[in-house]
PDB file of all heavy atoms in Angstrom:
ATOM      1  N   LYS A   1       2.334  17.861   8.907  1.00  0.00           N
ATOM      2  CA  LYS A   1       1.206  18.601   9.464  1.00  0.00           C
ATOM      3  C   LYS A   1       0.817  18.040  10.839  1.00  0.00           C
ATOM      4  O   LYS A   1       0.990  16.858  11.115  1.00  0.00           O
ATOM      5  CB  LYS A   1      -0.001  18.525   8.527  1.00  0.00           C
ATOM      6  CG  LYS A   1       0.302  18.899   7.082  1.00  0.00           C
ATOM      7  CD  LYS A   1       0.819  20.318   6.945  1.00  0.00           C
ATOM      8  CE  LYS A   1       1.071  20.664   5.477  1.00  0.00           C
ATOM      9  NZ  LYS A   1       1.651  22.018   5.298  1.00  0.00           N
ATOM     10  N   LYS A   2       0.279  18.911  11.661  1.00  0.00           N
ATOM     11  CA  LYS A   2      -0.216  18.499  12.963  1.00  0.00           C
ATOM     12  C   LYS A   2      -1.634  17.940  12.807  1.00  0.00           C
ATOM     13  O   LYS A   2      -2.367  18.305  11.892  1.00  0.00           O
ATOM     14  CB  LYS A   2      -0.219  19.684  13.930  1.00  0.00           C
ATOM     15  CG  LYS A   2       1.168  20.241  14.214  1.00  0.00           C
ATOM     16  CD  LYS A   2       1.096  21.448  15.143  1.00  0.00           C
ATOM     17  CE  LYS A   2       2.495  22.019  15.395  1.00  0.00           C
ATOM     18  NZ  LYS A   2       2.444  23.217  16.289  1.00  0.00           N
ATOM     19  N   ALA A   3      -1.983  17.056  13.723  1.00  0.00           N
ATOM     20  CA  ALA A   3      -3.312  16.446  13.673  1.00  0.00           C
ATOM     21  C   ALA A   3      -4.051  16.698  14.981  1.00  0.00           C
ATOM     22  O   ALA A   3      -3.449  16.774  16.050  1.00  0.00           O
ATOM     23  CB  ALA A   3      -3.185  14.943  13.422  1.00  0.00           C
ATOM     24  N   CYS A   4      -5.359  16.844  14.875  1.00  0.00           N
ATOM     25  CA  CYS A   4      -6.191  17.118  16.047  1.00  0.00           C
ATOM     26  C   CYS A   4      -6.551  15.818  16.767  1.00  0.00           C
ATOM     27  O   CYS A   4      -6.740  14.779  16.140  1.00  0.00           O
ATOM     28  CB  CYS A   4      -7.470  17.832  15.627  1.00  0.00           C
ATOM     29  SG  CYS A   4      -7.197  19.443  14.851  1.00  0.00           S
ATOM     30  N   GLN A   5      -6.675  15.921  18.066  1.00  0.00           N
ATOM     31  CA  GLN A   5      -7.046  14.770  18.870  1.00  0.00           C
ATOM     32  C   GLN A   5      -8.510  14.394  18.640  1.00  0.00           C
ATOM     33  O   GLN A   5      -9.386  15.253  18.603  1.00  0.00           O
ATOM     34  CB  GLN A   5      -6.863  15.065  20.362  1.00  0.00           C
ATOM     35  CG  GLN A   5      -5.430  15.300  20.787  1.00  0.00           C
ATOM     36  CD  GLN A   5      -5.324  15.666  22.260  1.00  0.00           C
ATOM     37  OE1 GLN A   5      -6.321  15.660  22.986  1.00  0.00           O
ATOM     38  NE2 GLN A   5      -4.122  15.987  22.710  1.00  0.00           N
ATOM     39  N   PHE A   6      -8.721  13.094  18.473  1.00  0.00           N
ATOM     40  CA  PHE A   6     -10.076  12.556  18.548  1.00  0.00           C
ATOM     41  C   PHE A   6      -9.998  11.379  19.512  1.00  0.00           C
ATOM     42  O   PHE A   6      -9.547  10.296  19.156  1.00  0.00           O
ATOM     43  CB  PHE A   6     -10.615  12.097  17.194  1.00  0.00           C
ATOM     44  CG  PHE A   6     -12.093  11.759  17.251  1.00  0.00           C
ATOM     45  CD1 PHE A   6     -13.038  12.660  16.800  1.00  0.00           C
ATOM     46  CD2 PHE A   6     -12.525  10.549  17.783  1.00  0.00           C
ATOM     47  CE1 PHE A   6     -14.403  12.361  16.874  1.00  0.00           C
ATOM     48  CE2 PHE A   6     -13.881  10.246  17.872  1.00  0.00           C
ATOM     49  CZ  PHE A   6     -14.815  11.152  17.410  1.00  0.00           C
ATOM     50  N   LYS A   7     -10.426  11.612  20.760  1.00  0.00           N
ATOM     51  CA  LYS A   7     -10.338  10.594  21.796  1.00  0.00           C
ATOM     52  C   LYS A   7     -11.587   9.714  21.786  1.00  0.00           C
ATOM     53  O   LYS A   7     -12.696  10.191  21.595  1.00  0.00           O
ATOM     54  CB  LYS A   7     -10.195  11.257  23.168  1.00  0.00           C
ATOM     55  CG  LYS A   7      -8.970  12.136  23.306  1.00  0.00           C
ATOM     56  CD  LYS A   7      -8.946  12.798  24.680  1.00  0.00           C
ATOM     57  CE  LYS A   7      -7.721  13.693  24.849  1.00  0.00           C
ATOM     58  NZ  LYS A   7      -7.709  14.352  26.187  1.00  0.00           N
ATOM     59  N   ARG A   8     -11.370   8.440  22.029  1.00  0.00           N
ATOM     60  CA  ARG A   8     -12.505   7.523  22.017  1.00  0.00           C
ATOM     61  C   ARG A   8     -13.500   7.843  23.127  1.00  0.00           C
ATOM     62  O   ARG A   8     -14.686   7.505  23.010  1.00  0.00           O
ATOM     63  CB  ARG A   8     -12.040   6.072  22.112  1.00  0.00           C
ATOM     64  CG  ARG A   8     -11.417   5.670  23.425  1.00  0.00           C
ATOM     65  CD  ARG A   8     -10.834   4.274  23.363  1.00  0.00           C
ATOM     66  NE  ARG A   8     -11.851   3.247  23.180  1.00  0.00           N
ATOM     67  CZ  ARG A   8     -11.579   1.954  22.994  1.00  0.00           C
ATOM     68  NH1 ARG A   8     -10.306   1.557  22.940  1.00  0.00           N
ATOM     69  NH2 ARG A   8     -12.534   1.062  22.850  1.00  0.00           N
ATOM     70  N   SER A   9     -13.054   8.523  24.182  1.00  0.00           N
ATOM     71  CA  SER A   9     -13.966   8.897  25.257  1.00  0.00           C
ATOM     72  C   SER A   9     -15.063   9.841  24.758  1.00  0.00           C
ATOM     73  O   SER A   9     -16.122   9.948  25.373  1.00  0.00           O
ATOM     74  CB  SER A   9     -13.205   9.541  26.418  1.00  0.00           C
ATOM     75  OG  SER A   9     -12.503  10.699  26.000  1.00  0.00           O
ATOM     76  N   LEU A  10     -14.821  10.535  23.633  1.00  0.00           N
ATOM     77  CA  LEU A  10     -15.841  11.405  23.043  1.00  0.00           C
ATOM     78  C   LEU A  10     -17.066  10.607  22.593  1.00  0.00           C
ATOM     79  O   LEU A  10     -18.155  11.163  22.459  1.00  0.00           O
ATOM     80  CB  LEU A  10     -15.269  12.167  21.846  1.00  0.00           C
ATOM     81  CG  LEU A  10     -14.188  13.216  22.126  1.00  0.00           C
ATOM     82  CD1 LEU A  10     -13.609  13.721  20.812  1.00  0.00           C
ATOM     83  CD2 LEU A  10     -14.766  14.373  22.929  1.00  0.00           C
ATOM     84  N   LEU A  11     -16.873   9.323  22.384  1.00  0.00           N
ATOM     85  CA  LEU A  11     -17.959   8.480  21.901  1.00  0.00           C
ATOM     86  C   LEU A  11     -18.878   8.021  23.026  1.00  0.00           C
ATOM     87  O   LEU A  11     -19.845   7.292  22.780  1.00  0.00           O
ATOM     88  CB  LEU A  11     -17.386   7.261  21.160  1.00  0.00           C
ATOM     89  CG  LEU A  11     -16.496   7.593  19.953  1.00  0.00           C
ATOM     90  CD1 LEU A  11     -15.908   6.329  19.373  1.00  0.00           C
ATOM     91  CD2 LEU A  11     -17.272   8.364  18.896  1.00  0.00           C
ATOM     92  N   GLN A  12     -18.542   8.401  24.251  1.00  0.00           N
ATOM     93  CA  GLN A  12     -19.384   8.176  25.431  1.00  0.00           C
ATOM     94  C   GLN A  12     -19.863   6.722  25.536  1.00  0.00           C
ATOM     95  O   GLN A  12     -19.062   5.813  25.704  1.00  0.00           O
ATOM     96  CB  GLN A  12     -20.545   9.161  25.428  1.00  0.00           C
ATOM     97  CG  GLN A  12     -20.069  10.623  25.447  1.00  0.00           C
ATOM     98  CD  GLN A  12     -21.215  11.608  25.436  1.00  0.00           C
ATOM     99  OE1 GLN A  12     -22.196  11.455  26.136  1.00  0.00           O
ATOM    100  NE2 GLN A  12     -21.096  12.638  24.624  1.00  0.00           N
ATOM    101  N   ASN A  13     -21.152   6.471  25.424  1.00  0.00           N
ATOM    102  CA  ASN A  13     -21.683   5.120  25.605  1.00  0.00           C
ATOM    103  C   ASN A  13     -21.220   4.144  24.540  1.00  0.00           C
ATOM    104  O   ASN A  13     -21.411   2.925  24.687  1.00  0.00           O
ATOM    105  CB  ASN A  13     -23.217   5.144  25.634  1.00  0.00           C
ATOM    106  CG  ASN A  13     -23.758   5.849  26.862  1.00  0.00           C
ATOM    107  OD1 ASN A  13     -23.057   6.011  27.862  1.00  0.00           O
ATOM    108  ND2 ASN A  13     -25.008   6.284  26.796  1.00  0.00           N
ATOM    109  N   CYS A  14     -20.651   4.664  23.462  1.00  0.00           N
ATOM    110  CA  CYS A  14     -20.154   3.806  22.379  1.00  0.00           C
ATOM    111  C   CYS A  14     -18.622   3.774  22.335  1.00  0.00           C
ATOM    112  O   CYS A  14     -18.032   3.399  21.328  1.00  0.00           O
ATOM    113  CB  CYS A  14     -20.690   4.275  21.032  1.00  0.00           C
ATOM    114  SG  CYS A  14     -22.454   3.939  20.795  1.00  0.00           S
ATOM    115  N   SER A  15     -17.989   4.189  23.421  1.00  0.00           N
ATOM    116  CA  SER A  15     -16.524   4.229  23.454  1.00  0.00           C
ATOM    117  C   SER A  15     -15.903   2.883  23.796  1.00  0.00           C
ATOM    118  O   SER A  15     -14.720   2.652  23.538  1.00  0.00           O
ATOM    119  CB  SER A  15     -16.055   5.272  24.469  1.00  0.00           C
ATOM    120  OG  SER A  15     -16.408   4.869  25.785  1.00  0.00           O
ATOM    121  N   GLY A  16     -16.689   2.005  24.404  1.00  0.00           N
ATOM    122  CA  GLY A  16     -16.147   0.723  24.839  1.00  0.00           C
ATOM    123  C   GLY A  16     -15.401   0.816  26.151  1.00  0.00           C
ATOM    124  O   GLY A  16     -14.765  -0.156  26.574  1.00  0.00           O
ATOM    125  N   ILE A  17     -15.472   1.970  26.800  1.00  0.00           N
ATOM    126  CA  ILE A  17     -14.761   2.168  28.071  1.00  0.00           C
ATOM    127  C   ILE A  17     -15.617   1.682  29.239  1.00  0.00           C
ATOM    128  O   ILE A  17     -15.221   0.789  29.988  1.00  0.00           O
ATOM    129  CB  ILE A  17     -14.369   3.644  28.247  1.00  0.00           C
ATOM    130  CG1 ILE A  17     -13.412   4.078  27.126  1.00  0.00           C
ATOM    131  CG2 ILE A  17     -13.726   3.868  29.612  1.00  0.00           C
ATOM    132  CD1 ILE A  17     -13.090   5.562  27.122  1.00  0.00           C
ATOM    133  N   GLU A  18     -16.817   2.253  29.393  1.00  0.00           N
ATOM    134  CA  GLU A  18     -17.701   1.824  30.474  1.00  0.00           C
ATOM    135  C   GLU A  18     -18.408   0.514  30.132  1.00  0.00           C
ATOM    136  O   GLU A  18     -18.632  -0.321  31.003  1.00  0.00           O
ATOM    137  CB  GLU A  18     -18.735   2.914  30.771  1.00  0.00           C
ATOM    138  CG  GLU A  18     -18.123   4.185  31.363  1.00  0.00           C
ATOM    139  CD  GLU A  18     -19.190   5.190  31.769  1.00  0.00           C
ATOM    140  OE1 GLU A  18     -20.392   4.855  31.681  1.00  0.00           O
ATOM    141  OE2 GLU A  18     -18.805   6.295  32.176  1.00  0.00           O
ATOM    142  N   ASP A  19     -18.765   0.350  28.882  1.00  0.00           N
ATOM    143  CA  ASP A  19     -19.392  -0.897  28.429  1.00  0.00           C
ATOM    144  C   ASP A  19     -18.480  -1.527  27.367  1.00  0.00           C
ATOM    145  O   ASP A  19     -18.536  -1.159  26.194  1.00  0.00           O
ATOM    146  CB  ASP A  19     -20.776  -0.627  27.842  1.00  0.00           C
ATOM    147  CG  ASP A  19     -21.435  -1.895  27.308  1.00  0.00           C
ATOM    148  OD1 ASP A  19     -20.885  -2.996  27.527  1.00  0.00           O
ATOM    149  OD2 ASP A  19     -22.500  -1.792  26.664  1.00  0.00           O
ATOM    150  N   PRO A  20     -17.642  -2.488  27.765  1.00  0.00           N
ATOM    151  CA  PRO A  20     -16.688  -3.096  26.822  1.00  0.00           C
ATOM    152  C   PRO A  20     -17.345  -3.861  25.681  1.00  0.00           C
ATOM    153  O   PRO A  20     -16.664  -4.231  24.729  1.00  0.00           O
ATOM    154  CB  PRO A  20     -15.877  -4.056  27.714  1.00  0.00           C
ATOM    155  CG  PRO A  20     -16.094  -3.581  29.111  1.00  0.00           C
ATOM    156  CD  PRO A  20     -17.480  -3.005  29.127  1.00  0.00           C
ATOM    157  N   THR A  21     -18.671  -4.083  25.756  1.00  0.00           N
ATOM    158  CA  THR A  21     -19.346  -4.820  24.683  1.00  0.00           C
ATOM    159  C   THR A  21     -20.036  -3.888  23.695  1.00  0.00           C
ATOM    160  O   THR A  21     -20.718  -4.353  22.777  1.00  0.00           O
ATOM    161  CB  THR A  21     -20.390  -5.797  25.253  1.00  0.00           C
ATOM    162  OG1 THR A  21     -21.508  -5.068  25.788  1.00  0.00           O
ATOM    163  CG2 THR A  21     -19.782  -6.675  26.339  1.00  0.00           C
ATOM    164  N   PHE A  22     -19.900  -2.578  23.878  1.00  0.00           N
ATOM    165  CA  PHE A  22     -20.485  -1.592  22.953  1.00  0.00           C
ATOM    166  C   PHE A  22     -21.991  -1.779  22.789  1.00  0.00           C
ATOM    167  O   PHE A  22     -22.543  -1.500  21.722  1.00  0.00           O
ATOM    168  CB  PHE A  22     -19.807  -1.655  21.586  1.00  0.00           C
ATOM    169  CG  PHE A  22     -18.340  -1.358  21.610  1.00  0.00           C
ATOM    170  CD1 PHE A  22     -17.415  -2.392  21.664  1.00  0.00           C
ATOM    171  CD2 PHE A  22     -17.869  -0.058  21.581  1.00  0.00           C
ATOM    172  CE1 PHE A  22     -16.053  -2.122  21.686  1.00  0.00           C
ATOM    173  CE2 PHE A  22     -16.516   0.217  21.611  1.00  0.00           C
ATOM    174  CZ  PHE A  22     -15.594  -0.815  21.669  1.00  0.00           C
ATOM    175  N   GLY A  23     -22.649  -2.290  23.827  1.00  0.00           N
ATOM    176  CA  GLY A  23     -24.094  -2.465  23.782  1.00  0.00           C
ATOM    177  C   GLY A  23     -24.568  -3.767  23.169  1.00  0.00           C
ATOM    178  O   GLY A  23     -25.759  -4.091  23.222  1.00  0.00           O
ATOM    179  N   TYR A  24     -23.660  -4.541  22.585  1.00  0.00           N
ATOM    180  CA  TYR A  24     -24.067  -5.774  21.894  1.00  0.00           C
ATOM    181  C   TYR A  24     -24.631  -6.800  22.867  1.00  0.00           C
ATOM    182  O   TYR A  24     -25.541  -7.568  22.516  1.00  0.00           O
ATOM    183  CB  TYR A  24     -22.891  -6.343  21.109  1.00  0.00           C
ATOM    184  CG  TYR A  24     -22.614  -5.576  19.841  1.00  0.00           C
ATOM    185  CD1 TYR A  24     -21.933  -4.362  19.874  1.00  0.00           C
ATOM    186  CD2 TYR A  24     -23.062  -6.033  18.606  1.00  0.00           C
ATOM    187  CE1 TYR A  24     -21.693  -3.635  18.723  1.00  0.00           C
ATOM    188  CE2 TYR A  24     -22.831  -5.316  17.437  1.00  0.00           C
ATOM    189  CZ  TYR A  24     -22.143  -4.113  17.511  1.00  0.00           C
ATOM    190  OH  TYR A  24     -21.924  -3.399  16.366  1.00  0.00           O
ATOM    191  N   SER A  25     -24.116  -6.832  24.082  1.00  0.00           N
ATOM    192  CA  SER A  25     -24.605  -7.794  25.072  1.00  0.00           C
ATOM    193  C   SER A  25     -26.019  -7.468  25.533  1.00  0.00           C
ATOM    194  O   SER A  25     -26.685  -8.304  26.144  1.00  0.00           O
ATOM    195  CB  SER A  25     -23.660  -7.824  26.286  1.00  0.00           C
ATOM    196  OG  SER A  25     -23.651  -6.565  26.945  1.00  0.00           O
ATOM    197  N   LYS A  26     -26.497  -6.258  25.241  1.00  0.00           N
ATOM    198  CA  LYS A  26     -27.835  -5.836  25.637  1.00  0.00           C
ATOM    199  C   LYS A  26     -28.786  -5.744  24.442  1.00  0.00           C
ATOM    200  O   LYS A  26     -29.940  -5.345  24.599  1.00  0.00           O
ATOM    201  CB  LYS A  26     -27.772  -4.469  26.329  1.00  0.00           C
ATOM    202  CG  LYS A  26     -26.834  -4.420  27.528  1.00  0.00           C
ATOM    203  CD  LYS A  26     -26.695  -2.995  28.043  1.00  0.00           C
ATOM    204  CE  LYS A  26     -25.681  -2.915  29.176  1.00  0.00           C
ATOM    205  NZ  LYS A  26     -25.477  -1.510  29.640  1.00  0.00           N
ATOM    206  N   GLY A  27     -28.287  -6.053  23.264  1.00  0.00           N
ATOM    207  CA  GLY A  27     -29.106  -5.907  22.067  1.00  0.00           C
ATOM    208  C   GLY A  27     -29.268  -4.474  21.638  1.00  0.00           C
ATOM    209  O   GLY A  27     -30.222  -4.120  20.940  1.00  0.00           O
ATOM    210  N   GLN A  28     -28.316  -3.615  22.072  1.00  0.00           N
ATOM    211  CA  GLN A  28     -28.329  -2.192  21.724  1.00  0.00           C
ATOM    212  C   GLN A  28     -26.980  -1.818  21.093  1.00  0.00           C
ATOM    213  O   GLN A  28     -26.170  -1.116  21.694  1.00  0.00           O
ATOM    214  CB  GLN A  28     -28.581  -1.348  22.967  1.00  0.00           C
ATOM    215  CG  GLN A  28     -29.902  -1.641  23.653  1.00  0.00           C
ATOM    216  CD  GLN A  28     -30.089  -0.840  24.926  1.00  0.00           C
ATOM    217  OE1 GLN A  28     -29.138  -0.398  25.558  1.00  0.00           O
ATOM    218  NE2 GLN A  28     -31.336  -0.628  25.309  1.00  0.00           N
ATOM    219  N   PRO A  29     -26.718  -2.271  19.887  1.00  0.00           N
ATOM    220  CA  PRO A  29     -25.384  -2.156  19.302  1.00  0.00           C
ATOM    221  C   PRO A  29     -24.998  -0.737  18.902  1.00  0.00           C
ATOM    222  O   PRO A  29     -25.835   0.090  18.540  1.00  0.00           O
ATOM    223  CB  PRO A  29     -25.469  -3.041  18.053  1.00  0.00           C
ATOM    224  CG  PRO A  29     -26.915  -2.988  17.672  1.00  0.00           C
ATOM    225  CD  PRO A  29     -27.665  -2.939  18.988  1.00  0.00           C
ATOM    226  N   CYS A  30     -23.701  -0.474  18.987  1.00  0.00           N
ATOM    227  CA  CYS A  30     -23.117   0.772  18.491  1.00  0.00           C
ATOM    228  C   CYS A  30     -22.496   0.521  17.120  1.00  0.00           C
ATOM    229  O   CYS A  30     -21.838  -0.503  16.897  1.00  0.00           O
ATOM    230  CB  CYS A  30     -22.033   1.277  19.441  1.00  0.00           C
ATOM    231  SG  CYS A  30     -22.650   1.917  21.021  1.00  0.00           S
ATOM    232  N   ILE A  31     -22.692   1.455  16.227  1.00  0.00           N
ATOM    233  CA  ILE A  31     -22.074   1.438  14.905  1.00  0.00           C
ATOM    234  C   ILE A  31     -21.299   2.735  14.743  1.00  0.00           C
ATOM    235  O   ILE A  31     -21.801   3.810  15.065  1.00  0.00           O
ATOM    236  CB  ILE A  31     -23.131   1.325  13.784  1.00  0.00           C
ATOM    237  CG1 ILE A  31     -24.032   0.111  14.002  1.00  0.00           C
ATOM    238  CG2 ILE A  31     -22.457   1.267  12.415  1.00  0.00           C
ATOM    239  CD1 ILE A  31     -23.345  -1.215  13.856  1.00  0.00           C
ATOM    240  N   LEU A  32     -20.068   2.631  14.239  1.00  0.00           N
ATOM    241  CA  LEU A  32     -19.247   3.815  14.011  1.00  0.00           C
ATOM    242  C   LEU A  32     -19.270   4.190  12.540  1.00  0.00           C
ATOM    243  O   LEU A  32     -19.135   3.327  11.669  1.00  0.00           O
ATOM    244  CB  LEU A  32     -17.800   3.555  14.454  1.00  0.00           C
ATOM    245  CG  LEU A  32     -17.601   3.105  15.905  1.00  0.00           C
ATOM    246  CD1 LEU A  32     -16.121   2.847  16.176  1.00  0.00           C
ATOM    247  CD2 LEU A  32     -18.149   4.141  16.873  1.00  0.00           C
ATOM    248  N   LEU A  33     -19.441   5.481  12.269  1.00  0.00           N
ATOM    249  CA  LEU A  33     -19.432   5.990  10.893  1.00  0.00           C
ATOM    250  C   LEU A  33     -18.172   6.821  10.664  1.00  0.00           C
ATOM    251  O   LEU A  33     -17.777   7.613  11.522  1.00  0.00           O
ATOM    252  CB  LEU A  33     -20.656   6.864  10.630  1.00  0.00           C
ATOM    253  CG  LEU A  33     -22.033   6.240  10.839  1.00  0.00           C
ATOM    254  CD1 LEU A  33     -23.118   7.232  10.428  1.00  0.00           C
ATOM    255  CD2 LEU A  33     -22.182   4.950  10.059  1.00  0.00           C
ATOM    256  N   LYS A  34     -17.563   6.626   9.499  1.00  0.00           N
ATOM    257  CA  LYS A  34     -16.346   7.356   9.145  1.00  0.00           C
ATOM    258  C   LYS A  34     -16.453   7.827   7.707  1.00  0.00           C
ATOM    259  O   LYS A  34     -16.763   7.047   6.807  1.00  0.00           O
ATOM    260  CB  LYS A  34     -15.119   6.455   9.308  1.00  0.00           C
ATOM    261  CG  LYS A  34     -13.791   7.143   9.017  1.00  0.00           C
ATOM    262  CD  LYS A  34     -12.625   6.196   9.279  1.00  0.00           C
ATOM    263  CE  LYS A  34     -12.483   5.168   8.196  1.00  0.00           C
ATOM    264  NZ  LYS A  34     -11.969   5.750   6.924  1.00  0.00           N
ATOM    265  N   MET A  35     -16.189   9.113   7.493  1.00  0.00           N
ATOM    266  CA  MET A  35     -16.154   9.640   6.125  1.00  0.00           C
ATOM    267  C   MET A  35     -14.826   9.282   5.462  1.00  0.00           C
ATOM    268  O   MET A  35     -13.779   9.265   6.127  1.00  0.00           O
ATOM    269  CB  MET A  35     -16.328  11.161   6.120  1.00  0.00           C
ATOM    270  CG  MET A  35     -17.747  11.625   6.282  1.00  0.00           C
ATOM    271  SD  MET A  35     -17.975  13.357   5.761  1.00  0.00           S
ATOM    272  CE  MET A  35     -17.175  14.239   7.075  1.00  0.00           C
ATOM    273  N   ASN A  36     -14.874   9.027   4.177  1.00  0.00           N
ATOM    274  CA  ASN A  36     -13.644   8.771   3.434  1.00  0.00           C
ATOM    275  C   ASN A  36     -12.756  10.015   3.436  1.00  0.00           C
ATOM    276  O   ASN A  36     -13.247  11.146   3.399  1.00  0.00           O
ATOM    277  CB  ASN A  36     -13.954   8.381   1.987  1.00  0.00           C
ATOM    278  CG  ASN A  36     -14.660   7.043   1.900  1.00  0.00           C
ATOM    279  OD1 ASN A  36     -14.734   6.306   2.879  1.00  0.00           O
ATOM    280  ND2 ASN A  36     -15.194   6.735   0.732  1.00  0.00           N
ATOM    281  N   ARG A  37     -11.450   9.784   3.454  1.00  0.00           N
ATOM    282  CA  ARG A  37     -10.509  10.900   3.447  1.00  0.00           C
ATOM    283  C   ARG A  37     -10.323  11.440   2.030  1.00  0.00           C
ATOM    284  O   ARG A  37     -10.093  10.675   1.090  1.00  0.00           O
ATOM    285  CB  ARG A  37      -9.144  10.453   3.990  1.00  0.00           C
ATOM    286  CG  ARG A  37      -9.184   9.973   5.437  1.00  0.00           C
ATOM    287  CD  ARG A  37      -7.802   9.524   5.877  1.00  0.00           C
ATOM    288  NE  ARG A  37      -7.799   9.035   7.249  1.00  0.00           N
ATOM    289  CZ  ARG A  37      -6.717   8.614   7.885  1.00  0.00           C
ATOM    290  NH1 ARG A  37      -5.538   8.606   7.256  1.00  0.00           N
ATOM    291  NH2 ARG A  37      -6.795   8.181   9.127  1.00  0.00           N
ATOM    292  N   ILE A  38     -10.419  12.744   1.906  1.00  0.00           N
ATOM    293  CA  ILE A  38     -10.190  13.404   0.613  1.00  0.00           C
ATOM    294  C   ILE A  38      -9.243  14.570   0.853  1.00  0.00           C
ATOM    295  O   ILE A  38      -9.547  15.474   1.638  1.00  0.00           O
ATOM    296  CB  ILE A  38     -11.503  13.913   0.001  1.00  0.00           C
ATOM    297  CG1 ILE A  38     -12.492  12.748  -0.199  1.00  0.00           C
ATOM    298  CG2 ILE A  38     -11.239  14.621  -1.321  1.00  0.00           C
ATOM    299  CD1 ILE A  38     -13.862  13.190  -0.681  1.00  0.00           C
ATOM    300  N   ILE A  39      -8.104  14.562   0.202  1.00  0.00           N
ATOM    301  CA  ILE A  39      -7.091  15.591   0.424  1.00  0.00           C
ATOM    302  C   ILE A  39      -7.634  16.977   0.071  1.00  0.00           C
ATOM    303  O   ILE A  39      -8.163  17.194  -1.015  1.00  0.00           O
ATOM    304  CB  ILE A  39      -5.822  15.286  -0.399  1.00  0.00           C
ATOM    305  CG1 ILE A  39      -5.165  13.996   0.091  1.00  0.00           C
ATOM    306  CG2 ILE A  39      -4.823  16.432  -0.299  1.00  0.00           C
ATOM    307  CD1 ILE A  39      -3.950  13.575  -0.717  1.00  0.00           C
ATOM    308  N   GLY A  40      -7.517  17.879   1.038  1.00  0.00           N
ATOM    309  CA  GLY A  40      -7.911  19.261   0.809  1.00  0.00           C
ATOM    310  C   GLY A  40      -9.391  19.556   0.927  1.00  0.00           C
ATOM    311  O   GLY A  40      -9.800  20.723   0.866  1.00  0.00           O
TER     312      GLY A  40
END
């Protein structure tokens, strides 16, 4: 099966691109949430 792109740039301020510390150095941390995979 083909898979859809999910680019980290979509996460904007939490992508780690512009701010490599994900806000931790400023006391403004980013947390990523992921749903468990369930077939179908």
